[in-house]
C-alpha atoms as a PDB file:
ATOM      1  CA  MET A   1      16.587 -20.406  32.597  1.00  0.00           C
ATOM      2  CA  THR A   2      14.973 -18.269  35.310  1.00  0.00           C
ATOM      3  CA  GLN A   3      16.979 -15.252  34.170  1.00  0.00           C
ATOM      4  CA  ASN A   4      15.825 -15.739  30.547  1.00  0.00           C
ATOM      5  CA  HIS A   5      12.245 -16.078  31.741  1.00  0.00           C
ATOM      6  CA  ASN A   6      12.503 -12.791  33.649  1.00  0.00           C
ATOM      7  CA  ILE A   7      14.050 -11.016  30.647  1.00  0.00           C
ATOM      8  CA  LEU A   8      11.267 -12.244  28.370  1.00  0.00           C
ATOM      9  CA  ALA A   9       8.596 -11.331  30.907  1.00  0.00           C
ATOM     10  CA  ASP A  10      10.022  -7.808  31.253  1.00  0.00           C
ATOM     11  CA  TRP A  11      10.139  -7.400  27.468  1.00  0.00           C
ATOM     12  CA  PHE A  12       6.529  -8.473  26.961  1.00  0.00           C
ATOM     13  CA  ASN A  13       5.407  -6.210  29.809  1.00  0.00           C
ATOM     14  CA  LEU A  14       7.168  -3.301  28.088  1.00  0.00           C
ATOM     15  CA  PHE A  15       5.602  -4.261  24.766  1.00  0.00           C
ATOM     16  CA  ARG A  16       2.093  -4.293  26.252  1.00  0.00           C
ATOM     17  CA  SER A  17       2.713  -1.049  28.111  1.00  0.00           C
ATOM     18  CA  LEU A  18       3.851   0.821  24.971  1.00  0.00           C
ATOM     19  CA  LYS A  19       1.029  -0.635  22.917  1.00  0.00           C
ATOM     20  CA  GLU A  20      -1.609   0.443  25.438  1.00  0.00           C
ATOM     21  CA  GLU A  21      -0.054   3.846  26.212  1.00  0.00           C
ATOM     22  CA  HIS A  22       0.042   4.864  22.542  1.00  0.00           C
ATOM     23  CA  GLU A  23      -3.124   2.946  21.557  1.00  0.00           C
ATOM     24  CA  ILE A  24      -1.352   1.062  18.784  1.00  0.00           C
ATOM     25  CA  GLU A  25      -3.452  -1.342  16.742  1.00  0.00           C
ATOM     26  CA  ILE A  26      -2.189  -4.838  15.871  1.00  0.00           C
ATOM     27  CA  GLU A  27      -2.023  -3.953  12.175  1.00  0.00           C
ATOM     28  CA  ASP A  28       0.266  -1.021  13.014  1.00  0.00           C
ATOM     29  CA  ILE A  29       2.922  -3.229  14.643  1.00  0.00           C
ATOM     30  CA  TYR A  30       5.751  -4.405  12.367  1.00  0.00           C
ATOM     31  CA  ASN A  31       8.752  -6.680  12.732  1.00  0.00           C
ATOM     32  CA  MET A  32      11.958  -6.084  10.743  1.00  0.00           C
ATOM     33  CA  ASN A  33      14.931  -8.404  10.363  1.00  0.00           C
ATOM     34  CA  GLU A  34      18.055  -8.833   8.241  1.00  0.00           C
ATOM     35  CA  LYS A  35      19.429 -12.130   6.890  1.00  0.00           C
ATOM     36  CA  LYS A  36      22.569 -12.922   4.913  1.00  0.00           C
ATOM     37  CA  PHE A  37      22.832 -15.324   1.966  1.00  0.00           C
ATOM     38  CA  MET A  38      26.021 -16.549   0.334  1.00  0.00           C
ATOM     39  CA  GLN A  39      26.841 -16.132  -3.340  1.00  0.00           C
ATOM     40  CA  ARG A  40      29.172 -18.826  -4.640  1.00  0.00           C
ATOM     41  CA  VAL A  41      30.197 -21.019  -7.550  1.00  0.00           C
ATOM     42  CA  ILE A  42      29.151 -24.640  -7.326  1.00  0.00           C
ATOM     43  CA  ALA A  43      30.758 -27.193  -9.619  1.00  0.00           C
ATOM     44  CA  LYS A  44      30.523 -30.924 -10.246  1.00  0.00           C
ATOM     45  CA  LEU A  45      33.699 -33.002 -10.267  1.00  0.00           C
ATOM     46  CA  GLN A  46      33.944 -36.550 -11.572  1.00  0.00           C
ATOM     47  CA  VAL A  47      36.124 -38.504  -9.133  1.00  0.00           C
ATOM     48  CA  MET A  48      37.408 -42.043  -9.728  1.00  0.00           C
ATOM     49  CA  ILE A  49      37.481 -44.122  -6.553  1.00  0.00           C
ATOM     50  CA  PHE A  50      38.604 -47.705  -7.287  1.00  0.00           C
ATOM     51  CA  LYS A  51      36.101 -48.948  -9.867  1.00  0.00           C
ATOM     52  CA  TYR A  52      33.363 -46.526  -9.002  1.00  0.00           C
ATOM     53  CA  GLU A  53      32.825 -43.082 -10.404  1.00  0.00           C
ATOM     54  CA  LYS A  54      31.236 -40.534  -8.115  1.00  0.00           C
ATOM     55  CA  THR A  55      30.048 -36.977  -8.603  1.00  0.00           C
ATOM     56  CA  HIS A  56      30.963 -34.542  -5.846  1.00  0.00           C
ATOM     57  CA  MET A  57      29.713 -31.014  -5.375  1.00  0.00           C
ATOM     58  CA  THR A  58      32.425 -28.450  -4.732  1.00  0.00           C
ATOM     59  CA  GLN A  59      32.360 -24.726  -4.164  1.00  0.00           C
ATOM     60  CA  CYS A  60      35.039 -22.130  -4.744  1.00  0.00           C
ATOM     61  CA  ASP A  61      36.492 -19.827  -2.119  1.00  0.00           C
ATOM     62  CA  ASN A  62      35.635 -16.451  -3.694  1.00  0.00           C
ATOM     63  CA  ARG A  63      32.328 -16.000  -1.911  1.00  0.00           C
ATOM     64  CA  GLU A  64      30.224 -12.890  -1.518  1.00  0.00           C
ATOM     65  CA  TRP A  65      27.290 -12.288   0.739  1.00  0.00           C
ATOM     66  CA  VAL A  66      23.900 -10.780   0.033  1.00  0.00           C
ATOM     67  CA  SER A  67      21.732  -9.322   2.790  1.00  0.00           C
ATOM     68  CA  LEU A  68      17.945  -9.286   2.795  1.00  0.00           C
ATOM     69  CA  ILE A  69      15.761  -6.994   4.869  1.00  0.00           C
ATOM     70  CA  GLU A  70      12.192  -8.127   5.395  1.00  0.00           C
ATOM     71  CA  CYS A  71       9.452  -6.373   7.343  1.00  0.00           C
ATOM     72  CA  ILE A  72       6.016  -7.832   8.132  1.00  0.00           C
ATOM     73  CA  SER A  73       3.126  -6.562  10.229  1.00  0.00           C
ATOM     74  CA  MET A  74       1.354  -8.590  12.884  1.00  0.00           C
ATOM     75  CA  ASN A  75      -1.588  -9.000  10.516  1.00  0.00           C
ATOM     76  CA  GLU A  76       0.812 -10.355   7.844  1.00  0.00           C
ATOM     77  CA  ARG A  77       1.155  -7.300   5.625  1.00  0.00           C
ATOM     78  CA  VAL A  78       4.509  -7.627   3.841  1.00  0.00           C
ATOM     79  CA  LEU A  79       6.555  -4.571   2.900  1.00  0.00           C
ATOM     80  CA  LYS A  80       8.860  -4.493  -0.101  1.00  0.00           C
ATOM     81  CA  SER A  81      12.014  -6.542   0.346  1.00  0.00           C
ATOM     82  CA  TRP A  82      15.361  -4.773   0.432  1.00  0.00           C
ATOM     83  CA  ILE A  83      18.289  -6.633  -1.086  1.00  0.00           C
ATOM     84  CA  ILE A  84      21.748  -5.326  -0.204  1.00  0.00           C
ATOM     85  CA  PHE A  85      24.592  -6.019  -2.637  1.00  0.00           C
ATOM     86  CA  LYS A  86      28.283  -5.310  -2.122  1.00  0.00           C
ATOM     87  CA  GLU A  87      28.551  -3.015  -5.123  1.00  0.00           C
ATOM     88  CA  LYS A  88      29.176   0.619  -6.068  1.00  0.00           C
ATOM     89  CA  LEU A  89      26.794   1.143  -9.002  1.00  0.00           C
ATOM     90  CA  GLN A  90      23.202   0.090  -9.640  1.00  0.00           C
ATOM     91  CA  GLN A  91      22.599  -2.108 -12.694  1.00  0.00           C
ATOM     92  CA  LYS A  92      19.473  -1.612 -14.781  1.00  0.00           C
ATOM     93  CA  ILE A  93      19.391  -5.302 -15.690  1.00  0.00           C
ATOM     94  CA  TRP A  94      18.795  -6.231 -12.043  1.00  0.00           C
ATOM     95  CA  TYR A  95      15.386  -4.571 -12.124  1.00  0.00           C
ATOM     96  CA  GLU A  96      14.393  -6.535 -15.208  1.00  0.00           C
ATOM     97  CA  VAL A  97      14.385  -9.544 -12.862  1.00  0.00           C
ATOM     98  CA  LEU A  98      13.341  -7.830  -9.644  1.00  0.00           C
ATOM     99  CA  LYS A  99      10.144  -6.010 -10.553  1.00  0.00           C
ATOM    100  CA  GLU A 100       8.875  -4.575  -7.264  1.00  0.00           C
ATOM    101  CA  ASP A 101      11.474  -4.863  -4.509  1.00  0.00           C
ATOM    102  CA  HIS A 102      14.452  -2.596  -3.879  1.00  0.00           C
ATOM    103  CA  ILE A 103      18.205  -3.106  -4.261  1.00  0.00           C
ATOM    104  CA  ALA A 104      20.523  -1.104  -2.002  1.00  0.00           C
ATOM    105  CA  LEU A 105      24.312  -0.928  -2.251  1.00  0.00           C
ATOM    106  CA  SER A 106      26.805  -1.168   0.578  1.00  0.00           C
ATOM    107  CA  GLU A 107      30.573  -1.451   0.903  1.00  0.00           C
ATOM    108  CA  ASN A 108      30.301  -4.576   3.048  1.00  0.00           C
ATOM    109  CA  ASP A 109      26.993  -6.131   1.863  1.00  0.00           C
ATOM    110  CA  ILE A 110      25.142  -5.438   5.136  1.00  0.00           C
ATOM    111  CA  ILE A 111      22.954  -2.615   6.347  1.00  0.00           C
ATOM    112  CA  ASN A 112      24.890   0.352   7.708  1.00  0.00           C
ATOM    113  CA  ASN A 113      23.971   3.552   9.526  1.00  0.00           C
ATOM    114  CA  GLU A 114      23.122   5.416   6.335  1.00  0.00           C
ATOM    115  CA  LEU A 115      21.057   2.591   4.834  1.00  0.00           C
ATOM    116  CA  SER A 116      19.098   2.048   8.051  1.00  0.00           C
ATOM    117  CA  LEU A 117      17.874   5.642   7.910  1.00  0.00           C
ATOM    118  CA  VAL A 118      17.084   5.406   4.186  1.00  0.00           C
ATOM    119  CA  TRP A 119      15.205   2.151   4.772  1.00  0.00           C
ATOM    120  CA  ILE A 120      12.963   3.547   7.497  1.00  0.00           C
ATOM    121  CA  GLN A 121      12.260   6.703   5.462  1.00  0.00           C
ATOM    122  CA  LYS A 122      11.793   5.251   1.976  1.00  0.00           C
ATOM    123  CA  CYS A 123      10.471   1.799   2.800  1.00  0.00           C
ATOM    124  CA  PHE A 124       8.909   1.556   6.238  1.00  0.00           C
ATOM    125  CA  ASP A 125       7.518   5.057   6.653  1.00  0.00           C
ATOM    126  CA  SER A 126       6.298   5.549   3.092  1.00  0.00           C
ATOM    127  CA  GLU A 127       4.699   2.102   2.801  1.00  0.00           C
ATOM    128  CA  THR A 128       3.015   1.979   6.203  1.00  0.00           C
ATOM    129  CA  LYS A 129       1.599   5.504   6.369  1.00  0.00           C
ATOM    130  CA  ILE A 130      -0.867   4.773   3.583  1.00  0.00           C
ATOM    131  CA  CYS A 131      -2.608   2.148   5.723  1.00  0.00           C
ATOM    132  CA  GLN A 132      -1.852   3.402   9.226  1.00  0.00           C
ATOM    133  CA  LYS A 133      -4.947   3.301  11.431  1.00  0.00           C
ATOM    134  CA  ASP A 134      -3.932   5.472  14.393  1.00  0.00           C
ATOM    135  CA  GLU A 135      -1.483   8.199  15.387  1.00  0.00           C
ATOM    136  CA  TYR A 136       1.374   5.915  16.471  1.00  0.00           C
ATOM    137  CA  TRP A 137       2.784   2.702  15.098  1.00  0.00           C
ATOM    138  CA  MET A 138       5.499   0.345  16.302  1.00  0.00           C
ATOM    139  CA  LEU A 139       8.582  -1.279  14.789  1.00  0.00           C
ATOM    140  CA  LEU A 140      10.250  -4.289  16.426  1.00  0.00           C
ATOM    141  CA  ILE A 141      13.945  -4.634  15.543  1.00  0.00           C
ATOM    142  CA  ASP A 142      17.105  -6.383  16.702  1.00  0.00           C
ATOM    143  CA  ASP A 143      19.456  -4.316  18.846  1.00  0.00           C
ATOM    144  CA  HIS A 144      22.268  -4.166  16.273  1.00  0.00           C
ATOM    145  CA  ALA A 145      24.140  -0.857  16.288  1.00  0.00           C
ATOM    146  CA  SER A 146      23.437  -0.332  12.587  1.00  0.00           C
ATOM    147  CA  HIS A 147      19.690  -0.694  13.196  1.00  0.00           C
ATOM    148  CA  ILE A 148      19.360   1.906  15.943  1.00  0.00           C
ATOM    149  CA  THR A 149      21.443   4.936  15.049  1.00  0.00           C
ATOM    150  CA  THR A 150      20.874   8.360  16.578  1.00  0.00           C
ATOM    151  CA  GLN A 151      19.563   9.684  13.257  1.00  0.00           C
ATOM    152  CA  MET A 152      17.127   6.798  12.961  1.00  0.00           C
ATOM    153  CA  ILE A 153      15.853   7.298  16.521  1.00  0.00           C
ATOM    154  CA  ASP A 154      15.400  11.039  15.967  1.00  0.00           C
ATOM    155  CA  TYR A 155      13.460  10.379  12.783  1.00  0.00           C
ATOM    156  CA  CYS A 156      11.205   7.824  14.491  1.00  0.00           C
ATOM    157  CA  ILE A 157      10.438  10.240  17.323  1.00  0.00           C
ATOM    158  CA  SER A 158       9.520  12.969  14.846  1.00  0.00           C
ATOM    159  CA  GLN A 159       7.226  10.582  12.936  1.00  0.00           C
ATOM    160  CA  LYS A 160       5.680   8.928  16.033  1.00  0.00           C
ATOM    161  CA  ILE A 161       7.192   5.542  15.243  1.00  0.00           C
ATOM    162  CA  ILE A 162       7.756   3.579  18.458  1.00  0.00           C
ATOM    163  CA  LEU A 163      11.023   1.619  18.196  1.00  0.00           C
ATOM    164  CA  LEU A 164      11.226  -1.454  20.406  1.00  0.00           C
ATOM    165  CA  CYS A 165      14.406  -3.522  20.369  1.00  0.00           C
ATOM    166  CA  LEU A 166      14.327  -7.240  20.983  1.00  0.00           C
ATOM    167  CA  SER A 167      16.264  -8.153  24.120  1.00  0.00           C
ATOM    168  CA  THR A 168      19.903  -9.115  23.621  1.00  0.00           C
ATOM    169  CA  HIS A 169      20.504 -12.889  23.415  1.00  0.00           C
ATOM    170  CA  THR A 170      16.781 -13.610  23.107  1.00  0.00           C
ATOM    171  CA  THR A 171      16.283 -13.068  19.367  1.00  0.00           C
ATOM    172  CA  HIS A 172      16.229 -16.837  18.838  1.00  0.00           C
ATOM    173  CA  LEU A 173      13.008 -16.754  20.871  1.00  0.00           C
ATOM    174  CA  LEU A 174      11.558 -13.341  20.038  1.00  0.00           C
ATOM    175  CA  GLN A 175      12.548 -12.851  16.391  1.00  0.00           C
ATOM    176  CA  SER A 176       9.683 -14.643  14.668  1.00  0.00           C
ATOM    177  CA  LEU A 177      10.966 -13.738  11.188  1.00  0.00           C
ATOM    178  CA  ASN A 178      13.882 -16.135  11.680  1.00  0.00           C
ATOM    179  CA  VAL A 179      11.480 -19.033  12.178  1.00  0.00           C
ATOM    180  CA  GLU A 180       8.406 -18.179  10.148  1.00  0.00           C
ATOM    181  CA  VAL A 181       9.984 -16.416   7.161  1.00  0.00           C
ATOM    182  CA  PHE A 182      13.722 -16.832   6.770  1.00  0.00           C
ATOM    183  CA  ALA A 183      13.820 -20.513   7.700  1.00  0.00           C
ATOM    184  CA  LEU A 184      11.302 -21.291   4.939  1.00  0.00           C
ATOM    185  CA  LEU A 185      13.054 -18.921   2.541  1.00  0.00           C
ATOM    186  CA  ILE A 186      16.449 -20.568   3.132  1.00  0.00           C
ATOM    187  CA  THR A 187      14.972 -24.025   2.571  1.00  0.00           C
ATOM    188  CA  ALA A 188      13.336 -22.938  -0.687  1.00  0.00           C
ATOM    189  CA  TYR A 189      16.531 -21.166  -1.779  1.00  0.00           C
ATOM    190  CA  LYS A 190      18.654 -24.276  -1.195  1.00  0.00           C
ATOM    191  CA  THR A 191      16.143 -26.387  -3.118  1.00  0.00           C
ATOM    192  CA  HIS A 192      16.304 -24.069  -6.151  1.00  0.00           C
ATOM    193  CA  VAL A 193      20.120 -24.051  -6.016  1.00  0.00           C
ATOM    194  CA  GLN A 194      20.230 -27.856  -5.948  1.00  0.00           C
ATOM    195  CA  ARG A 195      17.887 -28.054  -8.927  1.00  0.00           C
ATOM    196  CA  ALA A 196      19.978 -25.559 -10.871  1.00  0.00           C
ATOM    197  CA  THR A 197      23.210 -27.482 -10.221  1.00  0.00           C
ATOM    198  CA  GLN A 198      21.649 -30.679 -11.544  1.00  0.00           C
ATOM    199  CA  LEU A 199      21.252 -29.067 -14.969  1.00  0.00           C
ATOM    200  CA  GLU A 200      24.756 -27.618 -15.316  1.00  0.00           C
ATOM    201  CA  ASP A 201      28.290 -28.801 -14.564  1.00  0.00           C
ATOM    202  CA  SER A 202      29.144 -25.450 -13.019  1.00  0.00           C
ATOM    203  CA  TYR A 203      26.603 -23.027 -11.632  1.00  0.00           C
ATOM    204  CA  SER A 204      27.555 -19.524 -10.522  1.00  0.00           C
ATOM    205  CA  ILE A 205      25.259 -17.844  -8.038  1.00  0.00           C
ATOM    206  CA  ASP A 206      26.096 -14.318  -9.080  1.00  0.00           C
ATOM    207  CA  LYS A 207      23.852 -11.326  -8.445  1.00  0.00           C
ATOM    208  CA  MET A 208      21.613 -12.004 -11.448  1.00  0.00           C
ATOM    209  CA  ASN A 209      21.119 -15.664 -10.639  1.00  0.00           C
ATOM    210  CA  PHE A 210      20.520 -14.804  -6.991  1.00  0.00           C
ATOM    211  CA  LEU A 211      17.710 -12.430  -8.012  1.00  0.00           C
ATOM    212  CA  LYS A 212      16.214 -15.091 -10.277  1.00  0.00           C
ATOM    213  CA  LEU A 213      16.300 -17.670  -7.487  1.00  0.00           C
ATOM    214  CA  TYR A 214      14.952 -15.204  -4.954  1.00  0.00           C
END
């Protein structure tokens, strides 16, 4: 416990030091996080147990994952969501459902080195510069290898974006998006899935239905 307290204290001291050194305003500090959702097929089976008939929910084994990247400033400005599908080609029909956010494609449905650079260039940099108040701004991220590539660091240095990684094994305490955003999003997502399964005997959460639910 003492060790965790020291780690957190050191991190917040570093945060304050960088903020003061570069005179970064609260509205120029952003937090980015990635979360995975499962695509699956849910079906209802009628099972006879003695004299009673019961409905059980089952799900098949051919599951795929979808990753979401969300980024929010400390004054609650929300950037466009990035949805990452395991797919090779973009589908025009997806954007008939998803009007404003972005869909990225990956071989393994999670952000990779290439996508992390594209995200910070096309999403973070382009969307935050239009409302940036001062010379520097800050991005808080997890310390995953795919989030902090050499190319991404070089780009941030050139654009005066201060990258600050959350301390390893403390994201459950420091990553506020997990609690304030994704926890609520997961609850709402599960509720919509349960409602959808009540209307149909078999409900497939494919990419189109995922976008509709999202």
